[in-house]
C-alpha atoms as a PDB file:
ATOM      1  CA  MET A   1     -22.372-164.577 -62.341  1.00  0.00           C
ATOM      2  CA  ALA A   2     -22.737-161.880 -60.558  1.00  0.00           C
ATOM      3  CA  ARG A   3     -19.523-159.587 -60.550  1.00  0.00           C
ATOM      4  CA  ILE A   4     -17.987-158.163 -57.125  1.00  0.00           C
ATOM      5  CA  ARG A   5     -17.590-154.780 -57.221  1.00  0.00           C
ATOM      6  CA  THR A   6     -14.397-153.467 -55.644  1.00  0.00           C
ATOM      7  CA  THR A   7     -14.940-151.650 -52.958  1.00  0.00           C
ATOM      8  CA  ARG A   8     -14.193-147.970 -52.022  1.00  0.00           C
ATOM      9  CA  GLU A   9     -11.837-148.950 -49.410  1.00  0.00           C
ATOM     10  CA  ALA A  10     -10.375-150.566 -51.790  1.00  0.00           C
ATOM     11  CA  TRP A  11      -9.290-148.494 -53.922  1.00  0.00           C
ATOM     12  CA  ILE A  12      -8.227-146.395 -51.039  1.00  0.00           C
ATOM     13  CA  GLU A  13      -5.911-148.902 -49.566  1.00  0.00           C
ATOM     14  CA  GLN A  14      -4.193-149.816 -52.307  1.00  0.00           C
ATOM     15  CA  GLY A  15      -3.803-146.090 -52.924  1.00  0.00           C
ATOM     16  CA  LEU A  16      -2.106-145.472 -49.751  1.00  0.00           C
ATOM     17  CA  ARG A  17       0.288-148.282 -50.727  1.00  0.00           C
ATOM     18  CA  ALA A  18       1.304-146.956 -53.793  1.00  0.00           C
ATOM     19  CA  LEU A  19       1.735-143.291 -52.092  1.00  0.00           C
ATOM     20  CA  ALA A  20       4.630-145.119 -49.410  1.00  0.00           C
ATOM     21  CA  ALA A  21       6.021-146.679 -51.859  1.00  0.00           C
ATOM     22  CA  GLY A  22       6.390-144.380 -54.901  1.00  0.00           C
ATOM     23  CA  GLY A  23       4.530-141.088 -53.929  1.00  0.00           C
ATOM     24  CA  PRO A  24       1.666-139.501 -55.098  1.00  0.00           C
ATOM     25  CA  ASP A  25       3.110-140.122 -58.342  1.00  0.00           C
ATOM     26  CA  ALA A  26       2.345-143.856 -58.333  1.00  0.00           C
ATOM     27  CA  VAL A  27      -0.795-143.172 -57.407  1.00  0.00           C
ATOM     28  CA  ARG A  28      -2.349-144.184 -60.894  1.00  0.00           C
ATOM     29  CA  VAL A  29      -5.978-145.608 -61.431  1.00  0.00           C
ATOM     30  CA  GLU A  30      -4.597-147.836 -64.156  1.00  0.00           C
ATOM     31  CA  ALA A  31      -1.678-149.229 -61.864  1.00  0.00           C
ATOM     32  CA  LEU A  32      -4.072-149.693 -58.870  1.00  0.00           C
ATOM     33  CA  ALA A  33      -6.394-151.241 -61.181  1.00  0.00           C
ATOM     34  CA  LYS A  34      -3.975-153.454 -62.105  1.00  0.00           C
ATOM     35  CA  ASP A  35      -2.937-154.070 -58.331  1.00  0.00           C
ATOM     36  CA  LEU A  36      -6.481-155.034 -57.566  1.00  0.00           C
ATOM     37  CA  GLY A  37      -7.052-157.153 -60.668  1.00  0.00           C
ATOM     38  CA  VAL A  38      -9.726-155.422 -61.575  1.00  0.00           C
ATOM     39  CA  THR A  39     -10.328-152.597 -64.588  1.00  0.00           C
ATOM     40  CA  LYS A  40     -10.081-149.199 -64.192  1.00  0.00           C
ATOM     41  CA  GLY A  41     -14.017-148.598 -65.266  1.00  0.00           C
ATOM     42  CA  GLY A  42     -14.684-149.704 -61.765  1.00  0.00           C
ATOM     43  CA  PHE A  43     -12.921-147.050 -60.076  1.00  0.00           C
ATOM     44  CA  TYR A  44     -15.322-144.338 -61.547  1.00  0.00           C
ATOM     45  CA  GLY A  45     -18.074-145.910 -59.444  1.00  0.00           C
ATOM     46  CA  SER A  46     -16.276-145.185 -56.520  1.00  0.00           C
ATOM     47  CA  PHE A  47     -14.630-141.647 -57.241  1.00  0.00           C
ATOM     48  CA  ALA A  48     -15.214-138.953 -59.740  1.00  0.00           C
ATOM     49  CA  ASP A  49     -11.640-138.316 -60.356  1.00  0.00           C
ATOM     50  CA  ARG A  50      -8.140-139.294 -58.954  1.00  0.00           C
ATOM     51  CA  ASP A  51      -8.028-135.796 -57.534  1.00  0.00           C
ATOM     52  CA  ALA A  52     -11.236-137.291 -55.074  1.00  0.00           C
ATOM     53  CA  LEU A  53      -9.222-140.869 -54.551  1.00  0.00           C
ATOM     54  CA  LEU A  54      -6.027-138.534 -53.257  1.00  0.00           C
ATOM     55  CA  GLY A  55      -8.164-136.409 -51.083  1.00  0.00           C
ATOM     56  CA  ALA A  56      -9.917-139.701 -49.553  1.00  0.00           C
ATOM     57  CA  MET A  57      -6.303-141.042 -49.000  1.00  0.00           C
ATOM     58  CA  LEU A  58      -5.434-138.027 -47.365  1.00  0.00           C
ATOM     59  CA  ASP A  59      -8.830-138.540 -45.067  1.00  0.00           C
ATOM     60  CA  THR A  60      -7.906-142.030 -44.291  1.00  0.00           C
ATOM     61  CA  TRP A  61      -4.219-141.069 -43.341  1.00  0.00           C
ATOM     62  CA  GLU A  62      -5.388-137.454 -41.278  1.00  0.00           C
ATOM     63  CA  ARG A  63      -7.516-140.000 -39.057  1.00  0.00           C
ATOM     64  CA  GLU A  64      -5.150-142.813 -38.658  1.00  0.00           C
ATOM     65  CA  ALA A  65      -2.246-140.822 -38.274  1.00  0.00           C
ATOM     66  CA  THR A  66      -4.103-138.725 -35.177  1.00  0.00           C
ATOM     67  CA  ASP A  67      -7.420-139.695 -34.340  1.00  0.00           C
ATOM     68  CA  GLU A  68      -6.539-143.427 -34.165  1.00  0.00           C
ATOM     69  CA  VAL A  69      -3.278-142.944 -32.455  1.00  0.00           C
ATOM     70  CA  LEU A  70      -4.419-140.054 -30.003  1.00  0.00           C
ATOM     71  CA  ALA A  71      -7.356-142.336 -28.776  1.00  0.00           C
ATOM     72  CA  ARG A  72      -5.402-145.462 -28.574  1.00  0.00           C
ATOM     73  CA  VAL A  73      -2.734-143.322 -26.064  1.00  0.00           C
ATOM     74  CA  GLU A  74      -5.644-142.341 -24.280  1.00  0.00           C
ATOM     75  CA  ARG A  75      -7.466-145.793 -23.970  1.00  0.00           C
ATOM     76  CA  GLU A  76      -4.162-147.685 -23.180  1.00  0.00           C
ATOM     77  CA  GLY A  77      -3.179-144.652 -20.413  1.00  0.00           C
ATOM     78  CA  GLY A  78       0.242-144.282 -18.472  1.00  0.00           C
ATOM     79  CA  ASP A  79       2.057-141.885 -16.976  1.00  0.00           C
ATOM     80  CA  ALA A  80       3.409-138.916 -19.320  1.00  0.00           C
ATOM     81  CA  ARG A  81       6.503-140.611 -20.063  1.00  0.00           C
ATOM     82  CA  THR A  82       4.827-144.035 -21.311  1.00  0.00           C
ATOM     83  CA  ARG A  83       2.131-142.243 -23.335  1.00  0.00           C
ATOM     84  CA  LEU A  84       4.598-139.961 -25.150  1.00  0.00           C
ATOM     85  CA  THR A  85       6.669-143.169 -26.057  1.00  0.00           C
ATOM     86  CA  ARG A  86       3.352-145.298 -27.337  1.00  0.00           C
ATOM     87  CA  ALA A  87       2.249-141.968 -29.563  1.00  0.00           C
ATOM     88  CA  GLY A  88       5.810-142.035 -31.157  1.00  0.00           C
ATOM     89  CA  VAL A  89       5.973-145.968 -31.334  1.00  0.00           C
ATOM     90  CA  LEU A  90       2.399-146.051 -32.900  1.00  0.00           C
ATOM     91  CA  THR A  91       3.085-143.340 -35.380  1.00  0.00           C
ATOM     92  CA  PHE A  92       6.849-143.263 -36.041  1.00  0.00           C
ATOM     93  CA  SER A  93       7.648-147.221 -35.991  1.00  0.00           C
ATOM     94  CA  SER A  94       4.715-148.532 -37.840  1.00  0.00           C
ATOM     95  CA  ASP A  95       4.636-150.231 -40.595  1.00  0.00           C
ATOM     96  CA  ARG A  96       2.309-148.737 -42.280  1.00  0.00           C
ATOM     97  CA  LEU A  97       2.536-145.069 -40.761  1.00  0.00           C
ATOM     98  CA  LEU A  98       5.836-144.338 -40.996  1.00  0.00           C
ATOM     99  CA  PRO A  99       6.357-145.155 -44.608  1.00  0.00           C
ATOM    100  CA  LEU A 100       2.488-142.757 -45.261  1.00  0.00           C
ATOM    101  CA  ASP A 101       3.957-139.717 -43.094  1.00  0.00           C
ATOM    102  CA  LEU A 102       7.273-139.561 -45.103  1.00  0.00           C
ATOM    103  CA  ALA A 103       5.325-139.991 -48.901  1.00  0.00           C
ATOM    104  CA  VAL A 104       3.059-137.207 -47.221  1.00  0.00           C
ATOM    105  CA  ARG A 105       6.294-135.106 -46.233  1.00  0.00           C
ATOM    106  CA  GLU A 106       7.773-135.213 -49.413  1.00  0.00           C
ATOM    107  CA  TRP A 107       4.373-134.542 -51.314  1.00  0.00           C
ATOM    108  CA  ALA A 108       3.619-131.631 -49.194  1.00  0.00           C
ATOM    109  CA  ARG A 109       7.114-129.974 -50.226  1.00  0.00           C
ATOM    110  CA  ARG A 110       5.228-129.650 -53.735  1.00  0.00           C
ATOM    111  CA  ASP A 111       1.701-129.125 -52.743  1.00  0.00           C
ATOM    112  CA  PRO A 112       0.138-126.815 -50.763  1.00  0.00           C
ATOM    113  CA  ALA A 113      -3.335-128.569 -50.056  1.00  0.00           C
ATOM    114  CA  VAL A 114      -1.285-131.530 -48.633  1.00  0.00           C
ATOM    115  CA  ALA A 115       0.890-128.917 -46.625  1.00  0.00           C
ATOM    116  CA  GLU A 116      -1.668-127.277 -45.311  1.00  0.00           C
ATOM    117  CA  ARG A 117      -2.965-130.577 -44.182  1.00  0.00           C
ATOM    118  CA  LEU A 118       0.324-132.101 -42.862  1.00  0.00           C
ATOM    119  CA  ARG A 119       0.410-128.749 -40.665  1.00  0.00           C
ATOM    120  CA  ARG A 120      -3.307-129.915 -39.053  1.00  0.00           C
ATOM    121  CA  VAL A 121      -1.634-133.423 -38.327  1.00  0.00           C
ATOM    122  CA  ASP A 122       1.918-131.872 -36.802  1.00  0.00           C
ATOM    123  CA  GLU A 123      -0.697-128.945 -34.764  1.00  0.00           C
ATOM    124  CA  ARG A 124      -2.559-132.263 -33.240  1.00  0.00           C
ATOM    125  CA  ARG A 125       0.446-134.033 -32.578  1.00  0.00           C
ATOM    126  CA  MET A 126       2.754-131.237 -31.271  1.00  0.00           C
ATOM    127  CA  GLY A 127      -0.877-130.682 -29.136  1.00  0.00           C
ATOM    128  CA  LEU A 128      -0.415-133.850 -27.499  1.00  0.00           C
ATOM    129  CA  LEU A 129       3.390-133.550 -26.790  1.00  0.00           C
ATOM    130  CA  ARG A 130       2.702-130.101 -25.277  1.00  0.00           C
ATOM    131  CA  GLU A 131       0.184-131.414 -23.117  1.00  0.00           C
ATOM    132  CA  LEU A 132       2.098-134.628 -21.747  1.00  0.00           C
ATOM    133  CA  LEU A 133       5.517-132.513 -21.331  1.00  0.00           C
ATOM    134  CA  GLY A 134       3.621-130.132 -19.522  1.00  0.00           C
ATOM    135  CA  THR A 135       3.034-132.770 -16.727  1.00  0.00           C
ATOM    136  CA  LEU A 136       6.770-132.936 -16.642  1.00  0.00           C
ATOM    137  CA  SER A 137       7.904-129.207 -16.688  1.00  0.00           C
ATOM    138  CA  ALA A 138       6.241-125.831 -15.714  1.00  0.00           C
ATOM    139  CA  ASP A 139       8.544-123.732 -17.916  1.00  0.00           C
ATOM    140  CA  PRO A 140       5.943-123.077 -21.017  1.00  0.00           C
ATOM    141  CA  ASP A 141       9.327-122.655 -23.120  1.00  0.00           C
ATOM    142  CA  GLU A 142      11.016-125.462 -21.805  1.00  0.00           C
ATOM    143  CA  VAL A 143       7.815-127.783 -22.406  1.00  0.00           C
ATOM    144  CA  GLU A 144       7.872-126.227 -26.456  1.00  0.00           C
ATOM    145  CA  ALA A 145      11.346-126.962 -26.515  1.00  0.00           C
ATOM    146  CA  ARG A 146      11.364-130.514 -25.434  1.00  0.00           C
ATOM    147  CA  SER A 147       7.725-131.040 -27.968  1.00  0.00           C
ATOM    148  CA  LEU A 148       9.944-129.147 -31.167  1.00  0.00           C
ATOM    149  CA  LEU A 149      12.808-131.838 -30.281  1.00  0.00           C
ATOM    150  CA  ALA A 150      11.246-134.429 -29.946  1.00  0.00           C
ATOM    151  CA  PHE A 151       9.239-133.905 -32.484  1.00  0.00           C
ATOM    152  CA  CYS A 152      12.703-133.199 -34.869  1.00  0.00           C
ATOM    153  CA  LEU A 153      14.281-136.310 -33.635  1.00  0.00           C
ATOM    154  CA  ALA A 154      10.847-138.897 -34.332  1.00  0.00           C
ATOM    155  CA  ILE A 155      10.636-137.662 -38.173  1.00  0.00           C
ATOM    156  CA  GLY A 156      14.730-136.819 -38.421  1.00  0.00           C
ATOM    157  CA  GLU A 157      15.766-140.187 -37.255  1.00  0.00           C
ATOM    158  CA  HIS A 158      14.265-141.978 -40.166  1.00  0.00           C
ATOM    159  CA  LEU A 159      16.152-139.631 -42.438  1.00  0.00           C
ATOM    160  CA  LEU A 160      19.596-140.153 -41.151  1.00  0.00           C
ATOM    161  CA  THR A 161      21.767-142.610 -42.214  1.00  0.00           C
ATOM    162  CA  THR A 162      24.381-141.530 -39.791  1.00  0.00           C
ATOM    163  CA  GLY A 163      26.157-144.100 -37.412  1.00  0.00           C
ATOM    164  CA  HIS A 164      27.192-143.619 -33.814  1.00  0.00           C
ATOM    165  CA  GLY A 165      30.320-145.159 -33.756  1.00  0.00           C
ATOM    166  CA  ASP A 166      29.968-147.996 -30.794  1.00  0.00           C
ATOM    167  CA  ARG A 167      26.404-147.715 -29.572  1.00  0.00           C
ATOM    168  CA  THR A 168      23.523-148.633 -31.549  1.00  0.00           C
ATOM    169  CA  ARG A 169      20.508-146.172 -32.682  1.00  0.00           C
ATOM    170  CA  ALA A 170      18.474-147.698 -30.354  1.00  0.00           C
ATOM    171  CA  GLN A 171      21.011-147.162 -27.783  1.00  0.00           C
ATOM    172  CA  VAL A 172      21.556-143.748 -28.932  1.00  0.00           C
ATOM    173  CA  LEU A 173      17.374-143.041 -29.226  1.00  0.00           C
ATOM    174  CA  ALA A 174      16.784-144.207 -25.624  1.00  0.00           C
ATOM    175  CA  ARG A 175      19.637-141.865 -24.606  1.00  0.00           C
ATOM    176  CA  ALA A 176      18.094-138.922 -26.258  1.00  0.00           C
ATOM    177  CA  ALA A 177      14.352-140.392 -24.951  1.00  0.00           C
ATOM    178  CA  ASN A 178      15.818-140.014 -21.134  1.00  0.00           C
ATOM    179  CA  LEU A 179      16.642-136.433 -21.985  1.00  0.00           C
ATOM    180  CA  LEU A 180      13.486-135.482 -23.340  1.00  0.00           C
ATOM    181  CA  PHE A 181      11.545-137.118 -21.472  1.00  0.00           C
ATOM    182  CA  PRO A 182      13.510-138.256 -17.834  1.00  0.00           C
ATOM    183  CA  PRO A 183      12.321-140.721 -15.743  1.00  0.00           C
ATOM    184  CA  SER A 184      10.173-139.653 -12.586  1.00  0.00           C
ATOM    185  CA  PRO A 185      12.387-140.008  -9.795  1.00  0.00           C
END
């Protein structure tokens, strides 16, 4: 009986799951092989080494976190506020992208090459914020400040454990969004 080879994509996908769950130290060939129900020998048919897998994982994360999100935002259209909200939801409310984003951010604190990759992704995200907020304000200083605040809110709110008195987190986030992206008059 012919043995089915584990695809490169399956190794990358399992690696991304491990990264999201436990950071880059959790991405171990032996553990991935066990999770996939295969031997680690098949890994070397797809990758030269663990570093090659990590690079492919980052390529996949970068493509999904930028190219695919930006394409969907563009394809689905809407006014600036709708597009801004969609980009945030796709990236920072996604069961897939949010845990990966947070894991990559932690990893970037210890690895300059990952930090450079994260900077590139963040620049593209900030570019979208600047572009769309630029349709709401002609003041470049206001656009930059709102872009920074919106991006910090999108990332930081997942790291905060504080309560909000008698308000829910959703209520506070909705109010923050209205302050950052005022509804059209």
